[in-house]
Every structure is written in structure tokens, then in C-alpha cells.
Amino acid sequence: MVIAFLRTIILYLLIIAGIRLMGKRQVGELEPSELVLALIIADLAAVPMQDFGIPLLSGIVPILTLLCITMAISVLTMRSVRFRAIICGKPSIIVEDGKILQKEMKRNRFTVDELMEELRMKGITNLSAVKYAILETNGQISVLPRAGELPVTASQMGIEAADPGLPVVVINDGRILDRNLRSRGLNRVWLDRQLEAHKIKSAADVFLLTVDGQNQIYLARKDVTAT
């Protein structure tokens, strides 16, 4: 039993190391080579976990070999544009100036239904409003609207907008994070005033409270029904 426990932990940590080598991606954003690596590693690790008659090294050695190959491929893709194109492929323009490029759609085996779904997910219902739609190497679609369809920015309107900075969490599920509070130059007295202004007796009643660089807060009370 102890041997099974230790074997599982070792293989689990090894798989985590392999996934970390791929960077912070979601499964749907993996390059083809990364997806193949993840599938093979999972398969290699499953056998030693289940069959104790197989030496642990029989699972570790192939996994380490694949990780080394992955690292080598990563270095080569950074140094060689041609090699990167072979391994990762190239982005394909499938819509240009509102016109669907059917040849590119067929070459990538991308259907009209999939295209329309992706556009709807990005809030676009009219193809004529699209300047470019690009099928990226990870299968995602980048959509660039025409200039006339872009939202007006503050700089275009001649308005100087202050950057509020990245909000930091001050209260997380009823717990006060004093370090984050001090990073904004604030203290418990200021926090108590904010809670009082929102008619909250205790930080324990707060699910989330964040503060940005201009000391603007976002506050969400705890939902009693969710407890």
C-alpha cells in the first residue's frame, strides 16, 4: 500500500513538472505538440500506477525523455522561424474585409458553423463588420473589427483618463489581508470606516473587498443562502 502511495506521488509530481513546462495555458490553447505530449505522459504514467509489477523507472524514463525533447523543441522554436512553422503551424486568415476565404477554411477544415459561433462569442453578428478573422495556431480565432466598428477610446475623445491600477484583495471570504492593505498605504481604521459606510458590522460578513490605486473599492457581502 505504501509503495502504491509513493509511486503515485512521484508520477504525479513528474506530470505536474511536465505541464508546467508548457506554460500557463488552458487545454484548448495547447499547441498540437503540447497536446500530444500531455496525452502521452498521462498514458505512460497510468501504467506504473496501476501495475506494481512494472518497475517505476519504466514510467519515469520515458516521461523524462519526453520532457527533454519538449525543452529542446521549445529552444528550437524560439531560435528558428522555419522550425516553429513546422511544429506549431502558421496563423490563417479566414475572413478578410468581410469576405470569407473559403480556400483557407477548407484547408484548415474549419466550418461556417464554427466560424459563426466564434464570432457570436466575441459579440459580432455581422460578417461585414469584420476586417480580419485569423485562425491562430492554438485553434482560437482572433477577430479585428473594421475601424468604424471599434469603440471610441478616451484618448480619441480628448479625455485624460486616470489609471486606477490593479485592484488588490483586502478581504477574502471574511479574512483581512493586512499586507495588501498596507501596500495601498491604508490601515484598519480606514477599513473600519468603509465597512461602516456600507453598514457592515464585521469583516466576517464580507465575501470580497478590493481596493485599486485610487482607493476605489469593490465590496461583495457574503451570501447567507450560500453557506
C-alpha atoms as a PDB file:
ATOM      1  CA  MET A   1       0.000   0.000   0.000  1.00  0.00           C
ATOM      2  CA  VAL A   2       2.839   2.368   0.904  1.00  0.00           C
ATOM      3  CA  ILE A   3       4.612   1.524  -2.353  1.00  0.00           C
ATOM      4  CA  ALA A   4       1.492   2.370  -4.377  1.00  0.00           C
ATOM      5  CA  PHE A   5       1.181   5.660  -2.473  1.00  0.00           C
ATOM      6  CA  LEU A   6       4.803   6.651  -3.143  1.00  0.00           C
ATOM      7  CA  ARG A   7       4.707   5.600  -6.811  1.00  0.00           C
ATOM      8  CA  THR A   8       1.578   7.667  -7.393  1.00  0.00           C
ATOM      9  CA  ILE A   9       3.087  10.757  -5.721  1.00  0.00           C
ATOM     10  CA  ILE A  10       6.313  10.504  -7.738  1.00  0.00           C
ATOM     11  CA  LEU A  11       4.499  10.135 -11.049  1.00  0.00           C
ATOM     12  CA  TYR A  12       2.033  12.881 -10.153  1.00  0.00           C
ATOM     13  CA  LEU A  13       4.835  15.360  -9.386  1.00  0.00           C
ATOM     14  CA  LEU A  14       6.564  14.380 -12.605  1.00  0.00           C
ATOM     15  CA  ILE A  15       3.412  15.060 -14.644  1.00  0.00           C
ATOM     16  CA  ILE A  16       2.949  18.428 -12.930  1.00  0.00           C
ATOM     17  CA  ALA A  17       6.530  19.318 -13.902  1.00  0.00           C
ATOM     18  CA  GLY A  18       5.736  18.394 -17.488  1.00  0.00           C
ATOM     19  CA  ILE A  19       2.590  20.518 -17.571  1.00  0.00           C
ATOM     20  CA  ARG A  20       4.497  23.451 -16.072  1.00  0.00           C
ATOM     21  CA  LEU A  21       6.950  23.252 -18.978  1.00  0.00           C
ATOM     22  CA  MET A  22       4.053  24.050 -21.313  1.00  0.00           C
ATOM     23  CA  GLY A  23       3.409  27.353 -19.561  1.00  0.00           C
ATOM     24  CA  LYS A  24       0.131  28.680 -18.201  1.00  0.00           C
ATOM     25  CA  ARG A  25      -2.271  27.533 -20.886  1.00  0.00           C
ATOM     26  CA  GLN A  26      -5.716  26.024 -20.897  1.00  0.00           C
ATOM     27  CA  VAL A  27      -6.245  22.678 -22.618  1.00  0.00           C
ATOM     28  CA  GLY A  28      -7.981  24.347 -25.568  1.00  0.00           C
ATOM     29  CA  GLU A  29      -4.983  26.644 -26.073  1.00  0.00           C
ATOM     30  CA  LEU A  30      -2.305  23.952 -26.330  1.00  0.00           C
ATOM     31  CA  GLU A  31      -0.232  23.714 -29.467  1.00  0.00           C
ATOM     32  CA  PRO A  32      -0.551  20.335 -31.255  1.00  0.00           C
ATOM     33  CA  SER A  33       2.861  19.183 -29.985  1.00  0.00           C
ATOM     34  CA  GLU A  34       1.954  20.159 -26.408  1.00  0.00           C
ATOM     35  CA  LEU A  35      -1.379  18.344 -26.556  1.00  0.00           C
ATOM     36  CA  VAL A  36       0.324  15.184 -27.856  1.00  0.00           C
ATOM     37  CA  LEU A  37       2.883  15.430 -25.054  1.00  0.00           C
ATOM     38  CA  ALA A  38       0.181  15.759 -22.384  1.00  0.00           C
ATOM     39  CA  LEU A  39      -1.704  12.722 -23.721  1.00  0.00           C
ATOM     40  CA  ILE A  40       1.399  10.522 -23.962  1.00  0.00           C
ATOM     41  CA  ILE A  41       2.637  11.469 -20.488  1.00  0.00           C
ATOM     42  CA  ALA A  42      -0.761  10.691 -18.983  1.00  0.00           C
ATOM     43  CA  ASP A  43      -0.772   7.296 -20.683  1.00  0.00           C
ATOM     44  CA  LEU A  44       2.797   6.477 -19.623  1.00  0.00           C
ATOM     45  CA  ALA A  45       2.090   7.420 -16.002  1.00  0.00           C
ATOM     46  CA  ALA A  46      -1.142   5.410 -15.779  1.00  0.00           C
ATOM     47  CA  VAL A  47       0.520   2.020 -16.376  1.00  0.00           C
ATOM     48  CA  PRO A  48       3.077   2.099 -13.478  1.00  0.00           C
ATOM     49  CA  MET A  49       0.378   3.496 -11.193  1.00  0.00           C
ATOM     50  CA  GLN A  50      -1.892   0.508 -11.794  1.00  0.00           C
ATOM     51  CA  ASP A  51       0.557  -2.352 -12.375  1.00  0.00           C
ATOM     52  CA  PHE A  52       3.004  -2.734  -9.492  1.00  0.00           C
ATOM     53  CA  GLY A  53       4.868  -5.455 -11.394  1.00  0.00           C
ATOM     54  CA  ILE A  54       6.240  -2.818 -13.769  1.00  0.00           C
ATOM     55  CA  PRO A  55       9.363  -1.056 -12.444  1.00  0.00           C
ATOM     56  CA  LEU A  56       8.806   2.605 -11.648  1.00  0.00           C
ATOM     57  CA  LEU A  57      11.710   3.561 -13.881  1.00  0.00           C
ATOM     58  CA  SER A  58       9.811   2.124 -16.841  1.00  0.00           C
ATOM     59  CA  GLY A  59       7.397   5.013 -16.461  1.00  0.00           C
ATOM     60  CA  ILE A  60       9.829   7.704 -15.291  1.00  0.00           C
ATOM     61  CA  VAL A  61      12.467   7.276 -18.020  1.00  0.00           C
ATOM     62  CA  PRO A  62      10.059   7.738 -20.989  1.00  0.00           C
ATOM     63  CA  ILE A  63       8.418  10.726 -19.278  1.00  0.00           C
ATOM     64  CA  LEU A  64      11.788  12.389 -18.602  1.00  0.00           C
ATOM     65  CA  THR A  65      12.796  11.681 -22.205  1.00  0.00           C
ATOM     66  CA  LEU A  66       9.653  13.383 -23.495  1.00  0.00           C
ATOM     67  CA  LEU A  67      10.236  16.377 -21.212  1.00  0.00           C
ATOM     68  CA  CYS A  68      13.801  16.732 -22.500  1.00  0.00           C
ATOM     69  CA  ILE A  69      12.540  16.563 -26.085  1.00  0.00           C
ATOM     70  CA  THR A  70       9.940  19.216 -25.259  1.00  0.00           C
ATOM     71  CA  MET A  71      12.583  21.533 -23.840  1.00  0.00           C
ATOM     72  CA  ALA A  72      14.754  21.019 -26.915  1.00  0.00           C
ATOM     73  CA  ILE A  73      11.804  21.736 -29.204  1.00  0.00           C
ATOM     74  CA  SER A  74      10.984  24.904 -27.220  1.00  0.00           C
ATOM     75  CA  VAL A  75      14.542  26.188 -27.704  1.00  0.00           C
ATOM     76  CA  LEU A  76      14.480  25.385 -31.417  1.00  0.00           C
ATOM     77  CA  THR A  77      11.086  27.065 -31.939  1.00  0.00           C
ATOM     78  CA  MET A  78      12.409  30.244 -30.300  1.00  0.00           C
ATOM     79  CA  ARG A  79      15.530  30.304 -32.471  1.00  0.00           C
ATOM     80  CA  SER A  80      14.139  29.151 -35.819  1.00  0.00           C
ATOM     81  CA  VAL A  81      11.086  30.649 -37.503  1.00  0.00           C
ATOM     82  CA  ARG A  82      11.000  27.834 -40.054  1.00  0.00           C
ATOM     83  CA  PHE A  83      11.105  25.122 -37.383  1.00  0.00           C
ATOM     84  CA  ARG A  84       8.381  26.908 -35.407  1.00  0.00           C
ATOM     85  CA  ALA A  85       6.182  26.973 -38.500  1.00  0.00           C
ATOM     86  CA  ILE A  86       6.683  23.211 -38.986  1.00  0.00           C
ATOM     87  CA  ILE A  87       5.905  22.296 -35.379  1.00  0.00           C
ATOM     88  CA  CYS A  88       3.249  24.891 -34.500  1.00  0.00           C
ATOM     89  CA  GLY A  89       1.882  25.788 -37.913  1.00  0.00           C
ATOM     90  CA  LYS A  90       1.024  29.294 -39.104  1.00  0.00           C
ATOM     91  CA  PRO A  91      -1.986  31.526 -38.413  1.00  0.00           C
ATOM     92  CA  SER A  92      -4.526  31.548 -41.245  1.00  0.00           C
ATOM     93  CA  ILE A  93      -6.658  34.497 -42.328  1.00  0.00           C
ATOM     94  CA  ILE A  94     -10.166  33.096 -42.858  1.00  0.00           C
ATOM     95  CA  VAL A  95     -12.068  36.396 -43.151  1.00  0.00           C
ATOM     96  CA  GLU A  96     -10.703  39.466 -44.908  1.00  0.00           C
ATOM     97  CA  ASP A  97     -12.658  42.690 -45.418  1.00  0.00           C
ATOM     98  CA  GLY A  98     -15.892  40.899 -44.550  1.00  0.00           C
ATOM     99  CA  LYS A  99     -15.277  38.156 -47.116  1.00  0.00           C
ATOM    100  CA  ILE A 100     -14.883  34.507 -46.085  1.00  0.00           C
ATOM    101  CA  LEU A 101     -11.777  32.929 -47.611  1.00  0.00           C
ATOM    102  CA  GLN A 102     -13.265  29.541 -48.428  1.00  0.00           C
ATOM    103  CA  LYS A 103      -9.967  28.000 -49.551  1.00  0.00           C
ATOM    104  CA  GLU A 104      -8.392  28.707 -46.145  1.00  0.00           C
ATOM    105  CA  MET A 105     -11.497  27.416 -44.394  1.00  0.00           C
ATOM    106  CA  LYS A 106     -11.281  24.115 -46.286  1.00  0.00           C
ATOM    107  CA  ARG A 107      -7.523  23.825 -45.786  1.00  0.00           C
ATOM    108  CA  ASN A 108      -7.979  24.120 -42.017  1.00  0.00           C
ATOM    109  CA  ARG A 109     -11.166  22.013 -42.006  1.00  0.00           C
ATOM    110  CA  PHE A 110     -12.980  24.876 -40.302  1.00  0.00           C
ATOM    111  CA  THR A 111     -16.735  25.004 -40.862  1.00  0.00           C
ATOM    112  CA  VAL A 112     -19.007  28.014 -41.278  1.00  0.00           C
ATOM    113  CA  ASP A 113     -20.915  26.984 -38.149  1.00  0.00           C
ATOM    114  CA  GLU A 114     -17.702  27.057 -36.111  1.00  0.00           C
ATOM    115  CA  LEU A 115     -16.818  30.463 -37.542  1.00  0.00           C
ATOM    116  CA  MET A 116     -20.221  31.962 -36.749  1.00  0.00           C
ATOM    117  CA  GLU A 117     -20.083  30.513 -33.234  1.00  0.00           C
ATOM    118  CA  GLU A 118     -16.688  32.097 -32.602  1.00  0.00           C
ATOM    119  CA  LEU A 119     -17.878  35.455 -33.926  1.00  0.00           C
ATOM    120  CA  ARG A 120     -21.006  35.368 -31.746  1.00  0.00           C
ATOM    121  CA  MET A 121     -18.867  34.624 -28.704  1.00  0.00           C
ATOM    122  CA  LYS A 122     -16.958  37.825 -29.455  1.00  0.00           C
ATOM    123  CA  GLY A 123     -20.179  39.825 -29.801  1.00  0.00           C
ATOM    124  CA  ILE A 124     -20.099  40.058 -33.610  1.00  0.00           C
ATOM    125  CA  THR A 125     -23.149  39.055 -35.630  1.00  0.00           C
ATOM    126  CA  ASN A 126     -22.403  40.808 -38.924  1.00  0.00           C
ATOM    127  CA  LEU A 127     -19.549  39.439 -41.042  1.00  0.00           C
ATOM    128  CA  SER A 128     -19.296  42.689 -42.987  1.00  0.00           C
ATOM    129  CA  ALA A 129     -18.108  44.380 -39.762  1.00  0.00           C
ATOM    130  CA  VAL A 130     -15.025  42.135 -39.646  1.00  0.00           C
ATOM    131  CA  LYS A 131     -11.768  43.423 -41.107  1.00  0.00           C
ATOM    132  CA  TYR A 132      -9.807  40.263 -40.331  1.00  0.00           C
ATOM    133  CA  ALA A 133     -10.600  36.967 -38.625  1.00  0.00           C
ATOM    134  CA  ILE A 134      -7.471  34.933 -38.014  1.00  0.00           C
ATOM    135  CA  LEU A 135      -7.365  31.270 -37.045  1.00  0.00           C
ATOM    136  CA  GLU A 136      -4.432  31.054 -34.636  1.00  0.00           C
ATOM    137  CA  THR A 137      -2.168  28.035 -34.249  1.00  0.00           C
ATOM    138  CA  ASN A 138      -3.878  27.058 -30.972  1.00  0.00           C
ATOM    139  CA  GLY A 139      -7.306  26.849 -32.640  1.00  0.00           C
ATOM    140  CA  GLN A 140      -8.588  30.148 -31.263  1.00  0.00           C
ATOM    141  CA  ILE A 141      -9.904  32.906 -33.521  1.00  0.00           C
ATOM    142  CA  SER A 142      -8.686  36.492 -33.325  1.00  0.00           C
ATOM    143  CA  VAL A 143     -11.206  38.991 -34.690  1.00  0.00           C
ATOM    144  CA  LEU A 144     -10.225  42.508 -35.747  1.00  0.00           C
ATOM    145  CA  PRO A 145     -13.291  44.698 -36.495  1.00  0.00           C
ATOM    146  CA  ARG A 146     -13.252  47.456 -39.089  1.00  0.00           C
ATOM    147  CA  ALA A 147     -12.079  50.840 -37.840  1.00  0.00           C
ATOM    148  CA  GLY A 148     -15.635  52.186 -37.918  1.00  0.00           C
ATOM    149  CA  GLU A 149     -16.818  49.359 -35.663  1.00  0.00           C
ATOM    150  CA  LEU A 150     -14.221  49.911 -32.939  1.00  0.00           C
ATOM    151  CA  PRO A 151     -15.383  51.536 -29.672  1.00  0.00           C
ATOM    152  CA  VAL A 152     -14.331  55.148 -29.111  1.00  0.00           C
ATOM    153  CA  THR A 153     -11.469  55.484 -26.623  1.00  0.00           C
ATOM    154  CA  ALA A 154     -10.940  58.233 -24.057  1.00  0.00           C
ATOM    155  CA  SER A 155      -7.839  59.489 -25.900  1.00  0.00           C
ATOM    156  CA  GLN A 156      -9.806  59.835 -29.157  1.00  0.00           C
ATOM    157  CA  MET A 157     -12.349  61.984 -27.323  1.00  0.00           C
ATOM    158  CA  GLY A 158      -9.596  64.124 -25.812  1.00  0.00           C
ATOM    159  CA  ILE A 159     -10.353  62.917 -22.298  1.00  0.00           C
ATOM    160  CA  GLU A 160      -7.475  62.241 -19.930  1.00  0.00           C
ATOM    161  CA  ALA A 161      -8.430  59.113 -18.010  1.00  0.00           C
ATOM    162  CA  ALA A 162      -6.609  58.240 -14.814  1.00  0.00           C
ATOM    163  CA  ASP A 163      -5.251  54.728 -14.499  1.00  0.00           C
ATOM    164  CA  PRO A 164      -6.753  53.192 -11.359  1.00  0.00           C
ATOM    165  CA  GLY A 165      -4.082  50.486 -11.237  1.00  0.00           C
ATOM    166  CA  LEU A 166      -4.552  46.838 -10.432  1.00  0.00           C
ATOM    167  CA  PRO A 167      -7.048  46.203  -7.616  1.00  0.00           C
ATOM    168  CA  VAL A 168      -5.743  44.234  -4.646  1.00  0.00           C
ATOM    169  CA  VAL A 169      -7.816  41.977  -2.434  1.00  0.00           C
ATOM    170  CA  VAL A 170      -8.170  43.356   1.095  1.00  0.00           C
ATOM    171  CA  ILE A 171     -10.851  41.000   2.427  1.00  0.00           C
ATOM    172  CA  ASN A 172     -11.092  37.449   1.129  1.00  0.00           C
ATOM    173  CA  ASP A 173     -14.037  35.420   2.427  1.00  0.00           C
ATOM    174  CA  GLY A 174     -14.122  37.266   5.741  1.00  0.00           C
ATOM    175  CA  ARG A 175     -10.334  37.314   6.210  1.00  0.00           C
ATOM    176  CA  ILE A 176      -8.498  40.659   6.259  1.00  0.00           C
ATOM    177  CA  LEU A 177      -5.240  40.639   4.289  1.00  0.00           C
ATOM    178  CA  ASP A 178      -3.200  43.234   6.199  1.00  0.00           C
ATOM    179  CA  ARG A 179      -0.257  43.002   3.825  1.00  0.00           C
ATOM    180  CA  ASN A 180      -2.388  44.042   0.857  1.00  0.00           C
ATOM    181  CA  LEU A 181      -3.995  46.768   2.948  1.00  0.00           C
ATOM    182  CA  ARG A 182      -0.582  48.230   3.807  1.00  0.00           C
ATOM    183  CA  SER A 183       0.526  48.007   0.156  1.00  0.00           C
ATOM    184  CA  ARG A 184      -2.119  50.645  -0.624  1.00  0.00           C
ATOM    185  CA  GLY A 185      -0.944  52.808   2.287  1.00  0.00           C
ATOM    186  CA  LEU A 186      -4.119  52.044   4.243  1.00  0.00           C
ATOM    187  CA  ASN A 187      -4.852  50.676   7.702  1.00  0.00           C
ATOM    188  CA  ARG A 188      -7.564  49.013   9.757  1.00  0.00           C
ATOM    189  CA  VAL A 189      -9.061  52.385  10.709  1.00  0.00           C
ATOM    190  CA  TRP A 190      -9.718  53.199   7.056  1.00  0.00           C
ATOM    191  CA  LEU A 191     -11.124  49.729   6.529  1.00  0.00           C
ATOM    192  CA  ASP A 192     -13.479  50.048   9.507  1.00  0.00           C
ATOM    193  CA  ARG A 193     -14.789  53.326   8.067  1.00  0.00           C
ATOM    194  CA  GLN A 194     -15.502  51.684   4.729  1.00  0.00           C
ATOM    195  CA  LEU A 195     -17.358  48.838   6.388  1.00  0.00           C
ATOM    196  CA  GLU A 196     -19.326  51.294   8.497  1.00  0.00           C
ATOM    197  CA  ALA A 197     -20.237  53.306   5.380  1.00  0.00           C
ATOM    198  CA  HIS A 198     -21.685  50.138   3.852  1.00  0.00           C
ATOM    199  CA  LYS A 199     -23.467  49.288   7.124  1.00  0.00           C
ATOM    200  CA  ILE A 200     -21.394  46.171   7.704  1.00  0.00           C
ATOM    201  CA  LYS A 201     -20.551  45.323  11.290  1.00  0.00           C
ATOM    202  CA  SER A 202     -17.633  42.967  10.732  1.00  0.00           C
ATOM    203  CA  ALA A 203     -15.181  41.875   8.044  1.00  0.00           C
ATOM    204  CA  ALA A 204     -16.511  38.368   8.607  1.00  0.00           C
ATOM    205  CA  ASP A 205     -19.671  39.470   6.766  1.00  0.00           C
ATOM    206  CA  VAL A 206     -17.685  40.404   3.624  1.00  0.00           C
ATOM    207  CA  PHE A 207     -17.042  37.874   0.864  1.00  0.00           C
ATOM    208  CA  LEU A 208     -14.734  40.108  -1.187  1.00  0.00           C
ATOM    209  CA  LEU A 209     -13.363  43.638  -0.896  1.00  0.00           C
ATOM    210  CA  THR A 210     -10.806  45.051  -3.321  1.00  0.00           C
ATOM    211  CA  VAL A 211      -9.085  48.437  -3.487  1.00  0.00           C
ATOM    212  CA  ASP A 212      -7.500  49.993  -6.592  1.00  0.00           C
ATOM    213  CA  GLY A 213      -4.765  52.625  -6.879  1.00  0.00           C
ATOM    214  CA  GLN A 214      -7.279  55.446  -6.390  1.00  0.00           C
ATOM    215  CA  ASN A 215      -8.691  53.822  -3.254  1.00  0.00           C
ATOM    216  CA  GLN A 216     -11.921  52.945  -5.039  1.00  0.00           C
ATOM    217  CA  ILE A 217     -13.398  49.816  -3.539  1.00  0.00           C
ATOM    218  CA  TYR A 218     -15.460  46.904  -4.726  1.00  0.00           C
ATOM    219  CA  LEU A 219     -17.409  45.161  -1.984  1.00  0.00           C
ATOM    220  CA  ALA A 220     -19.447  41.983  -2.072  1.00  0.00           C
ATOM    221  CA  ARG A 221     -21.296  40.812   1.017  1.00  0.00           C
ATOM    222  CA  LYS A 222     -21.418  37.175   1.992  1.00  0.00           C
ATOM    223  CA  ASP A 223     -24.438  35.375   0.624  1.00  0.00           C
ATOM    224  CA  VAL A 224     -26.159  33.840   3.625  1.00  0.00           C
ATOM    225  CA  THR A 225     -28.042  31.355   1.437  1.00  0.00           C
ATOM    226  CA  ALA A 226     -24.760  30.002   0.041  1.00  0.00           C
ATOM    227  CA  THR A 227     -23.461  28.948   3.468  1.00  0.00           C
END
